[in-house]
Amino acid sequence: MHKQPVWAIVPAAGIGKRMQTACPKQYLELLGEPVLLHTLKKLAAVPEIAGIAVVISAQDTWWPTMSLQLKKPIVQVTGGRERPHSVFNAVRHLEQTLQVPAAWFLVHDAARPCVRRSDIKRLINTLSTHPCGGLLAARVRDTMKRSDETAQVIQTVDRHQLWHALTPQMFRAELLHRALEEGLEHPELITDEASALERLGYRPLLVEGRMDNIKITQPEDLQLARLFLEQEYAEQ
């Protein structure tokens, strides 16, 4: 059982241009509720998580209309220019305001509502003694090809040590703060929180998670997420 304080951070300041919808993807309707609410409910249901910081754009008009009614503290933080800035804003805000400082920060995409609570719990417990932290990930199953600039194959890549990076990603609080602070000098190189730690020489642990923990980025993903959630709720 993980005993050190864990706070979740949910970056939700993006506008999701690829969805081509009138509102950001995290507010699209999914089984009668916004995508973001499904995500927050998953995190709030994990006993090891003390509270959740939701990072919202200063221009966001949808968040104030959300009916949360969750049994965990929810803290609103204003987002930054890009995802690394938004997560760093949340890290700094929580460090300055929490009466009991977080030992770990668990970062989860707002548009991943299908994550299983069992995967979140396993990630937290697996990393409880790790020196830096790690992330949920799924092994690559398909044959991988590398192409040239004209989309012609130049190499078949050995997939046996390749993984799809997922979220949540959880790291020791002080290390994530330092990694993001230094990484913000080159935010284009920070593709996820793990990459910020990797730039400092750390080796985050990959914890295998379910492949149905998809991120909603394209219109067809919403239908797939609906199918996965209906299946999960039917199992309960």
Protein backbone atom coordinates (compact mmCIF):
# COMPACT_ATOMS: atom_id res chain seq x y z
CA MET A 1 0.00 0.00 0.00
CA HIS A 2 1.33 3.42 -0.99
CA LYS A 3 1.52 5.69 2.08
CA GLN A 4 3.13 8.88 0.71
CA PRO A 5 0.85 11.74 -0.42
CA VAL A 6 -0.04 11.54 -4.12
CA TRP A 7 -1.70 14.44 -5.92
CA ALA A 8 -3.05 14.08 -9.45
CA ILE A 9 -2.56 16.76 -12.10
CA VAL A 10 -4.88 16.83 -15.11
CA PRO A 11 -3.79 19.19 -17.92
CA ALA A 12 -7.06 20.33 -19.52
CA ALA A 13 -6.08 23.65 -21.09
CA GLY A 14 -5.83 22.42 -24.69
CA ILE A 15 -8.29 23.19 -27.46
CA GLY A 16 -7.98 19.93 -29.44
CA LYS A 17 -7.87 21.26 -33.02
CA ARG A 18 -7.77 17.76 -34.51
CA MET A 19 -11.26 16.98 -33.24
CA GLN A 20 -12.76 19.79 -35.39
CA THR A 21 -15.51 20.40 -32.86
CA ALA A 22 -17.10 23.53 -31.40
CA CYS A 23 -15.76 22.83 -27.92
CA PRO A 24 -12.49 21.31 -26.65
CA LYS A 25 -12.39 17.50 -26.69
CA GLN A 26 -12.33 17.24 -22.89
CA TYR A 27 -15.86 18.71 -22.80
CA LEU A 28 -17.41 16.55 -25.52
CA GLU A 29 -20.36 14.43 -24.41
CA LEU A 30 -19.55 10.79 -23.63
CA LEU A 31 -22.31 8.58 -22.22
CA GLY A 32 -24.18 11.68 -21.05
CA GLU A 33 -21.23 13.39 -19.32
CA PRO A 34 -18.22 15.44 -20.44
CA VAL A 35 -15.09 13.41 -21.19
CA LEU A 36 -13.24 15.31 -18.46
CA LEU A 37 -15.79 14.31 -15.81
CA HIS A 38 -15.30 10.61 -16.60
CA THR A 39 -11.54 11.14 -16.21
CA LEU A 40 -11.87 12.97 -12.90
CA LYS A 41 -14.22 10.31 -11.51
CA LYS A 42 -11.64 7.61 -12.28
CA LEU A 43 -8.91 9.49 -10.41
CA ALA A 44 -11.16 10.47 -7.49
CA ALA A 45 -12.11 6.83 -6.96
CA VAL A 46 -8.50 5.81 -6.24
CA PRO A 47 -7.95 5.90 -2.43
CA GLU A 48 -4.22 6.62 -2.77
CA ILE A 49 -4.88 9.94 -4.53
CA ALA A 50 -5.30 12.80 -2.05
CA GLY A 51 -6.67 15.37 -4.49
CA ILE A 52 -6.67 16.58 -8.07
CA ALA A 53 -5.37 19.78 -9.69
CA VAL A 54 -7.15 20.54 -12.97
CA VAL A 55 -5.29 22.91 -15.28
CA ILE A 56 -7.73 25.11 -17.20
CA SER A 57 -7.22 27.75 -19.91
CA ALA A 58 -7.86 31.34 -18.82
CA GLN A 59 -10.38 31.55 -21.70
CA ASP A 60 -12.24 28.37 -20.72
CA THR A 61 -16.01 28.96 -20.51
CA TRP A 62 -16.99 25.28 -20.11
CA TRP A 63 -15.27 24.44 -16.79
CA PRO A 64 -17.53 26.73 -14.67
CA THR A 65 -20.57 24.80 -15.94
CA MET A 66 -19.24 21.42 -14.75
CA SER A 67 -21.12 19.69 -11.93
CA LEU A 68 -18.35 17.79 -10.16
CA GLN A 69 -19.66 16.43 -6.83
CA LEU A 70 -16.50 14.40 -6.26
CA LYS A 71 -15.28 13.13 -2.90
CA LYS A 72 -11.75 14.48 -3.37
CA PRO A 73 -10.44 18.07 -3.24
CA ILE A 74 -10.36 19.68 -6.69
CA VAL A 75 -7.97 22.58 -7.25
CA GLN A 76 -8.22 24.81 -10.33
CA VAL A 77 -4.96 26.07 -11.86
CA THR A 78 -4.53 28.40 -14.85
CA GLY A 79 -2.78 26.80 -17.80
CA GLY A 80 0.34 27.96 -19.62
CA ARG A 81 1.41 28.31 -23.24
CA GLU A 82 1.97 24.58 -23.81
CA ARG A 83 1.43 21.35 -21.87
CA PRO A 84 4.82 21.45 -20.00
CA HIS A 85 4.05 25.00 -18.84
CA SER A 86 0.59 23.94 -17.66
CA VAL A 87 1.87 20.97 -15.67
CA PHE A 88 4.63 23.11 -14.16
CA ASN A 89 2.05 25.73 -13.13
CA ALA A 90 0.15 23.00 -11.27
CA VAL A 91 3.31 21.65 -9.64
CA ARG A 92 4.26 25.10 -8.33
CA HIS A 93 0.72 25.89 -7.19
CA LEU A 94 0.39 22.66 -5.23
CA GLU A 95 3.83 23.01 -3.66
CA GLN A 96 2.91 26.51 -2.45
CA THR A 97 -0.59 25.76 -1.17
CA LEU A 98 -0.76 22.21 0.18
CA GLN A 99 -0.67 21.89 3.95
CA VAL A 100 0.67 18.36 3.53
CA PRO A 101 3.20 18.54 0.66
CA ALA A 102 2.78 15.99 -2.10
CA ALA A 103 5.52 13.37 -2.23
CA TRP A 104 4.43 12.32 -5.72
CA PHE A 105 2.68 13.99 -8.64
CA LEU A 106 0.59 11.79 -10.92
CA VAL A 107 -0.10 13.44 -14.30
CA HIS A 108 -2.99 12.13 -16.40
CA ASP A 109 -4.38 13.31 -19.74
CA ALA A 110 -7.85 14.89 -19.54
CA ALA A 111 -8.82 13.02 -22.72
CA ARG A 112 -8.05 9.52 -21.36
CA PRO A 113 -11.36 8.65 -19.69
CA CYS A 114 -10.99 4.89 -20.26
CA VAL A 115 -8.08 4.35 -17.88
CA ARG A 116 -8.91 1.58 -15.40
CA ARG A 117 -8.70 2.33 -11.69
CA SER A 118 -6.86 -0.97 -11.26
CA ASP A 119 -4.11 0.27 -13.60
CA ILE A 120 -3.80 3.54 -11.67
CA LYS A 121 -3.53 1.67 -8.37
CA ARG A 122 -0.95 -0.74 -9.77
CA LEU A 123 1.15 2.15 -11.11
CA ILE A 124 1.10 3.92 -7.73
CA ASN A 125 1.97 0.80 -5.73
CA THR A 126 4.64 -0.41 -8.16
CA LEU A 127 6.45 2.94 -8.03
CA SER A 128 6.24 3.43 -4.25
CA THR A 129 9.97 2.68 -3.76
CA HIS A 130 11.28 3.69 -7.18
CA PRO A 131 13.98 6.41 -7.15
CA CYS A 132 12.24 8.67 -9.69
CA GLY A 133 8.91 7.24 -10.91
CA GLY A 134 7.42 5.91 -14.11
CA LEU A 135 4.42 5.60 -16.39
CA LEU A 136 1.76 3.31 -17.69
CA ALA A 137 2.73 1.91 -21.09
CA ALA A 138 1.66 -0.76 -23.56
CA ARG A 139 3.98 -3.01 -25.53
CA VAL A 140 4.07 -2.40 -29.28
CA ARG A 141 2.37 -5.32 -31.01
CA ASP A 142 2.54 -4.34 -34.68
CA THR A 143 5.50 -4.51 -37.03
CA MET A 144 7.21 -1.10 -36.95
CA LYS A 145 8.62 0.61 -40.05
CA ARG A 146 10.95 3.59 -40.37
CA SER A 147 10.50 5.71 -43.49
CA ASP A 148 12.36 8.37 -45.40
CA GLU A 149 10.90 11.82 -46.14
CA THR A 150 8.84 10.40 -49.02
CA ALA A 151 7.13 7.69 -46.87
CA GLN A 152 9.16 4.88 -48.38
CA VAL A 153 10.35 2.15 -45.99
CA ILE A 154 14.04 2.27 -45.14
CA GLN A 155 14.02 -0.07 -42.14
CA THR A 156 11.93 -2.56 -40.16
CA VAL A 157 12.41 -1.72 -36.49
CA ASP A 158 12.71 -4.41 -33.80
CA ARG A 159 9.59 -3.88 -31.66
CA HIS A 160 10.51 -6.13 -28.74
CA GLN A 161 11.70 -3.25 -26.55
CA LEU A 162 9.29 -0.63 -27.89
CA TRP A 163 6.33 0.65 -25.87
CA HIS A 164 3.43 3.05 -26.34
CA ALA A 165 3.69 5.71 -23.62
CA LEU A 166 0.37 6.22 -21.82
CA THR A 167 -0.75 8.15 -18.76
CA PRO A 168 -0.88 8.40 -15.80
CA GLN A 169 2.80 9.18 -15.36
CA MET A 170 3.92 9.53 -11.74
CA PHE A 171 7.13 11.04 -10.39
CA ARG A 172 8.62 12.18 -7.12
CA ALA A 173 7.49 15.77 -6.60
CA GLU A 174 10.87 17.44 -6.31
CA LEU A 175 12.25 15.62 -9.36
CA LEU A 176 9.29 16.51 -11.58
CA HIS A 177 9.60 20.14 -10.49
CA ARG A 178 13.28 20.26 -11.41
CA ALA A 179 12.85 18.34 -14.66
CA LEU A 180 10.06 20.59 -15.89
CA GLU A 181 11.80 23.77 -14.76
CA GLU A 182 14.90 22.87 -16.75
CA GLY A 183 12.88 21.42 -19.62
CA LEU A 184 10.91 24.63 -20.16
CA GLU A 185 14.04 26.09 -21.76
CA HIS A 186 13.28 23.72 -24.67
CA PRO A 187 9.58 22.81 -24.32
CA GLU A 188 9.45 21.40 -27.84
CA LEU A 189 11.63 18.51 -26.60
CA ILE A 190 9.26 17.64 -23.74
CA THR A 191 6.74 15.27 -25.33
CA ASP A 192 5.58 13.92 -21.96
CA GLU A 193 6.61 14.17 -18.32
CA ALA A 194 8.84 11.09 -18.60
CA SER A 195 10.86 12.76 -21.36
CA ALA A 196 11.62 15.66 -19.00
CA LEU A 197 13.04 13.20 -16.44
CA GLU A 198 14.97 11.36 -19.16
CA ARG A 199 16.70 14.61 -20.15
CA LEU A 200 18.13 14.77 -16.61
CA GLY A 201 19.49 11.23 -16.90
CA TYR A 202 16.76 9.42 -14.99
CA ARG A 203 15.25 6.13 -16.18
CA PRO A 204 11.49 6.04 -15.51
CA LEU A 205 9.95 2.62 -15.02
CA LEU A 206 7.45 1.31 -17.59
CA VAL A 207 4.43 -0.31 -15.91
CA GLU A 208 2.35 -2.33 -18.34
CA GLY A 209 -1.23 -1.11 -18.69
CA ARG A 210 -4.29 -1.87 -20.77
CA MET A 211 -4.37 -0.96 -24.47
CA ASP A 212 -7.93 0.39 -24.15
CA ASN A 213 -6.55 3.38 -22.20
CA ILE A 214 -6.88 5.46 -25.37
CA LYS A 215 -6.46 9.20 -25.78
CA ILE A 216 -9.30 10.95 -27.58
CA THR A 217 -7.64 12.94 -30.36
CA GLN A 218 -9.65 12.14 -33.50
CA PRO A 219 -13.46 12.15 -33.98
CA GLU A 220 -13.58 8.35 -34.32
CA ASP A 221 -11.87 7.97 -30.92
CA LEU A 222 -15.04 9.18 -29.17
CA GLN A 223 -17.04 6.21 -30.45
CA LEU A 224 -14.26 3.82 -29.42
CA ALA A 225 -14.12 5.38 -25.94
CA ARG A 226 -17.88 4.93 -25.64
CA LEU A 227 -17.53 1.24 -26.47
CA PHE A 228 -14.70 0.73 -23.94
CA LEU A 229 -16.55 2.54 -21.13
CA GLU A 230 -19.77 0.63 -21.76
CA GLN A 231 -17.80 -2.60 -21.55
CA GLU A 232 -16.11 -1.53 -18.30
CA TYR A 233 -19.35 -0.46 -16.65
CA ALA A 234 -21.05 -3.70 -17.73
CA GLU A 235 -18.30 -5.66 -15.94
CA GLN A 236 -18.86 -3.84 -12.63
